[in-house]
Amino acid sequence: MVFLDSFPLTNNGKIDRKALPEPTAERRSSGERTFASPRGETENRLAEIWAGILKIDRVGRDENYFELGG
């Protein structure tokens, strides 16, 4: 989720979806957490899958898929 002061608008006054910012891991609303590495084969594989889908560098074991932009 990204909070905006106002929506970017087109010349017709509609929301300009192309101008909206992409949610990223840096914009998480969860606050600051310490990174906890995935443990075990299953957690490591899931972290790799999530990182690939979400196009981020790393995923910790306590991360929330939706807070990461999923």
PDB file of N, CA and C in Angstrom:
ATOM      1  N   MET A   1       0.843  -1.153   0.000  1.00  0.00           N
ATOM      2  CA  MET A   1       0.000   0.000   0.000  1.00  0.00           C
ATOM      3  C   MET A   1       0.898   1.229   0.000  1.00  0.00           C
ATOM      4  N   VAL A   2       0.534   2.184  -0.799  1.00  0.00           N
ATOM      5  CA  VAL A   2       1.271   3.436  -0.880  1.00  0.00           C
ATOM      6  C   VAL A   2       0.303   4.562  -0.555  1.00  0.00           C
ATOM      7  N   PHE A   3       0.669   5.415   0.384  1.00  0.00           N
ATOM      8  CA  PHE A   3      -0.166   6.553   0.738  1.00  0.00           C
ATOM      9  C   PHE A   3       0.261   7.759  -0.088  1.00  0.00           C
ATOM     10  N   LEU A   4      -0.716   8.444  -0.673  1.00  0.00           N
ATOM     11  CA  LEU A   4      -0.452   9.615  -1.498  1.00  0.00           C
ATOM     12  C   LEU A   4      -1.210  10.813  -0.947  1.00  0.00           C
ATOM     13  N   ASP A   5      -0.636  12.000  -1.107  1.00  0.00           N
ATOM     14  CA  ASP A   5      -1.349  13.224  -0.721  1.00  0.00           C
ATOM     15  C   ASP A   5      -2.473  13.508  -1.698  1.00  0.00           C
ATOM     16  N   SER A   6      -2.241  13.196  -2.973  1.00  0.00           N
ATOM     17  CA  SER A   6      -3.267  13.354  -3.996  1.00  0.00           C
ATOM     18  C   SER A   6      -2.970  12.386  -5.135  1.00  0.00           C
ATOM     19  N   PHE A   7      -3.984  12.074  -5.907  1.00  0.00           N
ATOM     20  CA  PHE A   7      -3.819  11.172  -7.041  1.00  0.00           C
ATOM     21  C   PHE A   7      -3.342  11.951  -8.264  1.00  0.00           C
ATOM     22  N   PRO A   8      -2.447  11.356  -9.055  1.00  0.00           N
ATOM     23  CA  PRO A   8      -2.098  12.007 -10.323  1.00  0.00           C
ATOM     24  C   PRO A   8      -3.289  11.883 -11.268  1.00  0.00           C
ATOM     25  N   LEU A   9      -3.605  12.978 -11.940  1.00  0.00           N
ATOM     26  CA  LEU A   9      -4.780  12.991 -12.803  1.00  0.00           C
ATOM     27  C   LEU A   9      -4.392  13.201 -14.259  1.00  0.00           C
ATOM     28  N   THR A  10      -5.227  12.677 -15.159  1.00  0.00           N
ATOM     29  CA  THR A  10      -5.053  12.908 -16.588  1.00  0.00           C
ATOM     30  C   THR A  10      -5.662  14.271 -16.913  1.00  0.00           C
ATOM     31  N   ASN A  11      -5.533  14.685 -18.164  1.00  0.00           N
ATOM     32  CA  ASN A  11      -6.125  15.954 -18.595  1.00  0.00           C
ATOM     33  C   ASN A  11      -7.646  15.936 -18.475  1.00  0.00           C
ATOM     34  N   ASN A  12      -8.228  14.745 -18.490  1.00  0.00           N
ATOM     35  CA  ASN A  12      -9.681  14.612 -18.374  1.00  0.00           C
ATOM     36  C   ASN A  12     -10.151  14.560 -16.928  1.00  0.00           C
ATOM     37  N   GLY A  13      -9.234  14.634 -15.961  1.00  0.00           N
ATOM     38  CA  GLY A  13      -9.596  14.622 -14.557  1.00  0.00           C
ATOM     39  C   GLY A  13      -9.741  13.223 -13.960  1.00  0.00           C
ATOM     40  N   LYS A  14      -9.358  12.207 -14.723  1.00  0.00           N
ATOM     41  CA  LYS A  14      -9.418  10.836 -14.212  1.00  0.00           C
ATOM     42  C   LYS A  14      -8.061  10.471 -13.609  1.00  0.00           C
ATOM     43  N   ILE A  15      -8.051   9.441 -12.741  1.00  0.00           N
ATOM     44  CA  ILE A  15      -6.797   8.996 -12.137  1.00  0.00           C
ATOM     45  C   ILE A  15      -5.884   8.446 -13.222  1.00  0.00           C
ATOM     46  N   ASP A  16      -4.656   8.948 -13.252  1.00  0.00           N
ATOM     47  CA  ASP A  16      -3.650   8.490 -14.207  1.00  0.00           C
ATOM     48  C   ASP A  16      -2.937   7.281 -13.621  1.00  0.00           C
ATOM     49  N   ARG A  17      -3.400   6.099 -13.961  1.00  0.00           N
ATOM     50  CA  ARG A  17      -2.851   4.862 -13.390  1.00  0.00           C
ATOM     51  C   ARG A  17      -1.388   4.652 -13.745  1.00  0.00           C
ATOM     52  N   LYS A  18      -0.973   5.126 -14.907  1.00  0.00           N
ATOM     53  CA  LYS A  18       0.423   4.961 -15.318  1.00  0.00           C
ATOM     54  C   LYS A  18       1.365   5.812 -14.473  1.00  0.00           C
ATOM     55  N   ALA A  19       0.870   6.867 -13.875  1.00  0.00           N
ATOM     56  CA  ALA A  19       1.701   7.766 -13.074  1.00  0.00           C
ATOM     57  C   ALA A  19       1.721   7.383 -11.595  1.00  0.00           C
ATOM     58  N   LEU A  20       0.950   6.372 -11.207  1.00  0.00           N
ATOM     59  CA  LEU A  20       0.945   5.947  -9.803  1.00  0.00           C
ATOM     60  C   LEU A  20       2.251   5.254  -9.464  1.00  0.00           C
ATOM     61  N   PRO A  21       2.803   5.481  -8.270  1.00  0.00           N
ATOM     62  CA  PRO A  21       4.054   4.813  -7.891  1.00  0.00           C
ATOM     63  C   PRO A  21       3.820   3.337  -7.606  1.00  0.00           C
ATOM     64  N   GLU A  22       4.829   2.531  -7.904  1.00  0.00           N
ATOM     65  CA  GLU A  22       4.769   1.096  -7.623  1.00  0.00           C
ATOM     66  C   GLU A  22       5.070   0.866  -6.143  1.00  0.00           C
ATOM     67  N   PRO A  23       4.308   0.007  -5.474  1.00  0.00           N
ATOM     68  CA  PRO A  23       4.657  -0.318  -4.090  1.00  0.00           C
ATOM     69  C   PRO A  23       5.953  -1.127  -4.065  1.00  0.00           C
ATOM     70  N   THR A  24       6.823  -0.829  -3.111  1.00  0.00           N
ATOM     71  CA  THR A  24       8.082  -1.536  -2.985  1.00  0.00           C
ATOM     72  C   THR A  24       8.302  -1.928  -1.539  1.00  0.00           C
ATOM     73  N   ALA A  25       9.300  -2.741  -1.318  1.00  0.00           N
ATOM     74  CA  ALA A  25       9.613  -3.168   0.042  1.00  0.00           C
ATOM     75  C   ALA A  25       9.974  -1.987   0.925  1.00  0.00           C
ATOM     76  N   GLU A  26      10.571  -0.940   0.363  1.00  0.00           N
ATOM     77  CA  GLU A  26      10.953   0.223   1.150  1.00  0.00           C
ATOM     78  C   GLU A  26       9.739   1.005   1.642  1.00  0.00           C
ATOM     79  N   ARG A  27       8.601   0.827   0.995  1.00  0.00           N
ATOM     80  CA  ARG A  27       7.409   1.577   1.354  1.00  0.00           C
ATOM     81  C   ARG A  27       6.470   0.789   2.250  1.00  0.00           C
ATOM     82  N   ARG A  28       6.952  -0.252   2.872  1.00  0.00           N
ATOM     83  CA  ARG A  28       6.118  -1.084   3.736  1.00  0.00           C
ATOM     84  C   ARG A  28       5.558  -0.283   4.894  1.00  0.00           C
ATOM     85  N   SER A  29       4.343  -0.601   5.275  1.00  0.00           N
ATOM     86  CA  SER A  29       3.716   0.078   6.407  1.00  0.00           C
ATOM     87  C   SER A  29       3.991  -0.654   7.713  1.00  0.00           C
ATOM     88  N   SER A  30       4.723  -1.743   7.657  1.00  0.00           N
ATOM     89  CA  SER A  30       4.935  -2.570   8.838  1.00  0.00           C
ATOM     90  C   SER A  30       5.977  -2.019   9.794  1.00  0.00           C
ATOM     91  N   GLY A  31       6.627  -0.939   9.426  1.00  0.00           N
ATOM     92  CA  GLY A  31       7.672  -0.399  10.287  1.00  0.00           C
ATOM     93  C   GLY A  31       8.972  -1.147  10.070  1.00  0.00           C
ATOM     94  N   GLU A  32       9.959  -0.827  10.871  1.00  0.00           N
ATOM     95  CA  GLU A  32      11.257  -1.459  10.709  1.00  0.00           C
ATOM     96  C   GLU A  32      11.310  -2.775  11.484  1.00  0.00           C
ATOM     97  N   ARG A  33      11.815  -3.795  10.833  1.00  0.00           N
ATOM     98  CA  ARG A  33      11.992  -5.106  11.442  1.00  0.00           C
ATOM     99  C   ARG A  33      13.429  -5.527  11.215  1.00  0.00           C
ATOM    100  N   THR A  34      13.894  -6.387  12.075  1.00  0.00           N
ATOM    101  CA  THR A  34      15.199  -6.967  11.820  1.00  0.00           C
ATOM    102  C   THR A  34      15.004  -8.129  10.855  1.00  0.00           C
ATOM    103  N   PHE A  35      15.972  -8.316   9.991  1.00  0.00           N
ATOM    104  CA  PHE A  35      15.875  -9.369   8.985  1.00  0.00           C
ATOM    105  C   PHE A  35      16.175 -10.719   9.615  1.00  0.00           C
ATOM    106  N   ALA A  36      15.299 -11.671   9.373  1.00  0.00           N
ATOM    107  CA  ALA A  36      15.493 -13.046   9.828  1.00  0.00           C
ATOM    108  C   ALA A  36      15.561 -13.935   8.590  1.00  0.00           C
ATOM    109  N   SER A  37      16.691 -14.569   8.377  1.00  0.00           N
ATOM    110  CA  SER A  37      16.872 -15.433   7.210  1.00  0.00           C
ATOM    111  C   SER A  37      15.928 -16.628   7.255  1.00  0.00           C
ATOM    112  N   PRO A  38      15.482 -17.072   6.069  1.00  0.00           N
ATOM    113  CA  PRO A  38      14.671 -18.282   6.019  1.00  0.00           C
ATOM    114  C   PRO A  38      15.453 -19.475   6.547  1.00  0.00           C
ATOM    115  N   ARG A  39      14.741 -20.402   7.170  1.00  0.00           N
ATOM    116  CA  ARG A  39      15.369 -21.613   7.711  1.00  0.00           C
ATOM    117  C   ARG A  39      14.823 -22.829   6.983  1.00  0.00           C
ATOM    118  N   GLY A  40      15.689 -23.719   6.654  1.00  0.00           N
ATOM    119  CA  GLY A  40      15.268 -24.974   6.034  1.00  0.00           C
ATOM    120  C   GLY A  40      15.029 -24.851   4.541  1.00  0.00           C
ATOM    121  N   GLU A  41      14.906 -25.993   3.921  1.00  0.00           N
ATOM    122  CA  GLU A  41      14.747 -26.062   2.468  1.00  0.00           C
ATOM    123  C   GLU A  41      13.440 -25.420   1.998  1.00  0.00           C
ATOM    124  N   THR A  42      12.348 -25.679   2.702  1.00  0.00           N
ATOM    125  CA  THR A  42      11.046 -25.156   2.281  1.00  0.00           C
ATOM    126  C   THR A  42      11.000 -23.632   2.373  1.00  0.00           C
ATOM    127  N   GLU A  43      11.445 -23.072   3.497  1.00  0.00           N
ATOM    128  CA  GLU A  43      11.436 -21.616   3.654  1.00  0.00           C
ATOM    129  C   GLU A  43      12.359 -20.949   2.641  1.00  0.00           C
ATOM    130  N   ASN A  44      13.519 -21.535   2.399  1.00  0.00           N
ATOM    131  CA  ASN A  44      14.445 -20.976   1.410  1.00  0.00           C
ATOM    132  C   ASN A  44      13.831 -20.972   0.018  1.00  0.00           C
ATOM    133  N   ARG A  45      13.185 -22.043  -0.346  1.00  0.00           N
ATOM    134  CA  ARG A  45      12.563 -22.132  -1.678  1.00  0.00           C
ATOM    135  C   ARG A  45      11.436 -21.122  -1.805  1.00  0.00           C
ATOM    136  N   LEU A  46      10.580 -21.012  -0.777  1.00  0.00           N
ATOM    137  CA  LEU A  46       9.494 -20.029  -0.820  1.00  0.00           C
ATOM    138  C   LEU A  46      10.036 -18.604  -0.908  1.00  0.00           C
ATOM    139  N   ALA A  47      11.097 -18.308  -0.175  1.00  0.00           N
ATOM    140  CA  ALA A  47      11.708 -16.979  -0.224  1.00  0.00           C
ATOM    141  C   ALA A  47      12.230 -16.676  -1.626  1.00  0.00           C
ATOM    142  N   GLU A  48      12.829 -17.668  -2.280  1.00  0.00           N
ATOM    143  CA  GLU A  48      13.317 -17.495  -3.651  1.00  0.00           C
ATOM    144  C   GLU A  48      12.158 -17.220  -4.606  1.00  0.00           C
ATOM    145  N   ILE A  49      11.063 -17.954  -4.445  1.00  0.00           N
ATOM    146  CA  ILE A  49       9.891 -17.778  -5.312  1.00  0.00           C
ATOM    147  C   ILE A  49       9.309 -16.383  -5.121  1.00  0.00           C
ATOM    148  N   TRP A  50       9.101 -15.996  -3.858  1.00  0.00           N
ATOM    149  CA  TRP A  50       8.537 -14.661  -3.574  1.00  0.00           C
ATOM    150  C   TRP A  50       9.444 -13.565  -4.131  1.00  0.00           C
ATOM    151  N   ALA A  51      10.746 -13.685  -3.913  1.00  0.00           N
ATOM    152  CA  ALA A  51      11.683 -12.671  -4.392  1.00  0.00           C
ATOM    153  C   ALA A  51      11.614 -12.560  -5.914  1.00  0.00           C
ATOM    154  N   GLY A  52      11.500 -13.685  -6.588  1.00  0.00           N
ATOM    155  CA  GLY A  52      11.393 -13.661  -8.043  1.00  0.00           C
ATOM    156  C   GLY A  52      10.106 -13.030  -8.531  1.00  0.00           C
ATOM    157  N   ILE A  53       8.993 -13.375  -7.902  1.00  0.00           N
ATOM    158  CA  ILE A  53       7.693 -12.830  -8.301  1.00  0.00           C
ATOM    159  C   ILE A  53       7.619 -11.333  -8.021  1.00  0.00           C
ATOM    160  N   LEU A  54       8.105 -10.935  -6.845  1.00  0.00           N
ATOM    161  CA  LEU A  54       7.996  -9.543  -6.420  1.00  0.00           C
ATOM    162  C   LEU A  54       9.154  -8.671  -6.894  1.00  0.00           C
ATOM    163  N   LYS A  55      10.153  -9.297  -7.535  1.00  0.00           N
ATOM    164  CA  LYS A  55      11.326  -8.588  -8.055  1.00  0.00           C
ATOM    165  C   LYS A  55      12.031  -7.784  -6.956  1.00  0.00           C
ATOM    166  N   ILE A  56      12.309  -8.467  -5.833  1.00  0.00           N
ATOM    167  CA  ILE A  56      13.067  -7.864  -4.742  1.00  0.00           C
ATOM    168  C   ILE A  56      14.275  -8.738  -4.448  1.00  0.00           C
ATOM    169  N   ASP A  57      15.250  -8.181  -3.746  1.00  0.00           N
ATOM    170  CA  ASP A  57      16.515  -8.886  -3.517  1.00  0.00           C
ATOM    171  C   ASP A  57      16.414 -10.028  -2.531  1.00  0.00           C
ATOM    172  N   ARG A  58      15.708  -9.817  -1.421  1.00  0.00           N
ATOM    173  CA  ARG A  58      15.655 -10.866  -0.403  1.00  0.00           C
ATOM    174  C   ARG A  58      14.312 -10.834   0.322  1.00  0.00           C
ATOM    175  N   VAL A  59      13.950 -11.998   0.839  1.00  0.00           N
ATOM    176  CA  VAL A  59      12.709 -12.155   1.604  1.00  0.00           C
ATOM    177  C   VAL A  59      13.064 -12.889   2.885  1.00  0.00           C
ATOM    178  N   GLY A  60      12.697 -12.310   4.007  1.00  0.00           N
ATOM    179  CA  GLY A  60      12.978 -12.929   5.297  1.00  0.00           C
ATOM    180  C   GLY A  60      11.855 -13.852   5.727  1.00  0.00           C
ATOM    181  N   ARG A  61      12.108 -14.601   6.774  1.00  0.00           N
ATOM    182  CA  ARG A  61      11.138 -15.603   7.233  1.00  0.00           C
ATOM    183  C   ARG A  61       9.908 -14.981   7.879  1.00  0.00           C
ATOM    184  N   ASP A  62       9.986 -13.728   8.329  1.00  0.00           N
ATOM    185  CA  ASP A  62       8.852 -13.079   8.984  1.00  0.00           C
ATOM    186  C   ASP A  62       8.127 -12.097   8.080  1.00  0.00           C
ATOM    187  N   GLU A  63       8.443 -12.112   6.799  1.00  0.00           N
ATOM    188  CA  GLU A  63       7.844 -11.171   5.861  1.00  0.00           C
ATOM    189  C   GLU A  63       6.403 -11.541   5.545  1.00  0.00           C
ATOM    190  N   ASN A  64       5.622 -10.526   5.181  1.00  0.00           N
ATOM    191  CA  ASN A  64       4.243 -10.712   4.763  1.00  0.00           C
ATOM    192  C   ASN A  64       4.193 -10.465   3.262  1.00  0.00           C
ATOM    193  N   TYR A  65       3.710 -11.428   2.503  1.00  0.00           N
ATOM    194  CA  TYR A  65       3.670 -11.335   1.045  1.00  0.00           C
ATOM    195  C   TYR A  65       2.967 -10.069   0.581  1.00  0.00           C
ATOM    196  N   PHE A  66       1.857  -9.725   1.210  1.00  0.00           N
ATOM    197  CA  PHE A  66       1.079  -8.576   0.778  1.00  0.00           C
ATOM    198  C   PHE A  66       1.744  -7.261   1.172  1.00  0.00           C
ATOM    199  N   GLU A  67       2.444  -7.227   2.287  1.00  0.00           N
ATOM    200  CA  GLU A  67       3.168  -6.024   2.670  1.00  0.00           C
ATOM    201  C   GLU A  67       4.369  -5.782   1.742  1.00  0.00           C
ATOM    202  N   LEU A  68       4.856  -6.829   1.123  1.00  0.00           N
ATOM    203  CA  LEU A  68       5.959  -6.708   0.180  1.00  0.00           C
ATOM    204  C   LEU A  68       5.501  -6.269  -1.199  1.00  0.00           C
ATOM    205  N   GLY A  69       4.194  -6.197  -1.413  1.00  0.00           N
ATOM    206  CA  GLY A  69       3.669  -5.757  -2.704  1.00  0.00           C
ATOM    207  C   GLY A  69       2.954  -6.827  -3.493  1.00  0.00           C
ATOM    208  N   GLY A  70       2.759  -7.992  -2.910  1.00  0.00           N
ATOM    209  CA  GLY A  70       2.084  -9.100  -3.589  1.00  0.00           C
ATOM    210  C   GLY A  70       0.590  -8.958  -3.616  1.00  0.00           C
TER     211      GLY A  70
END
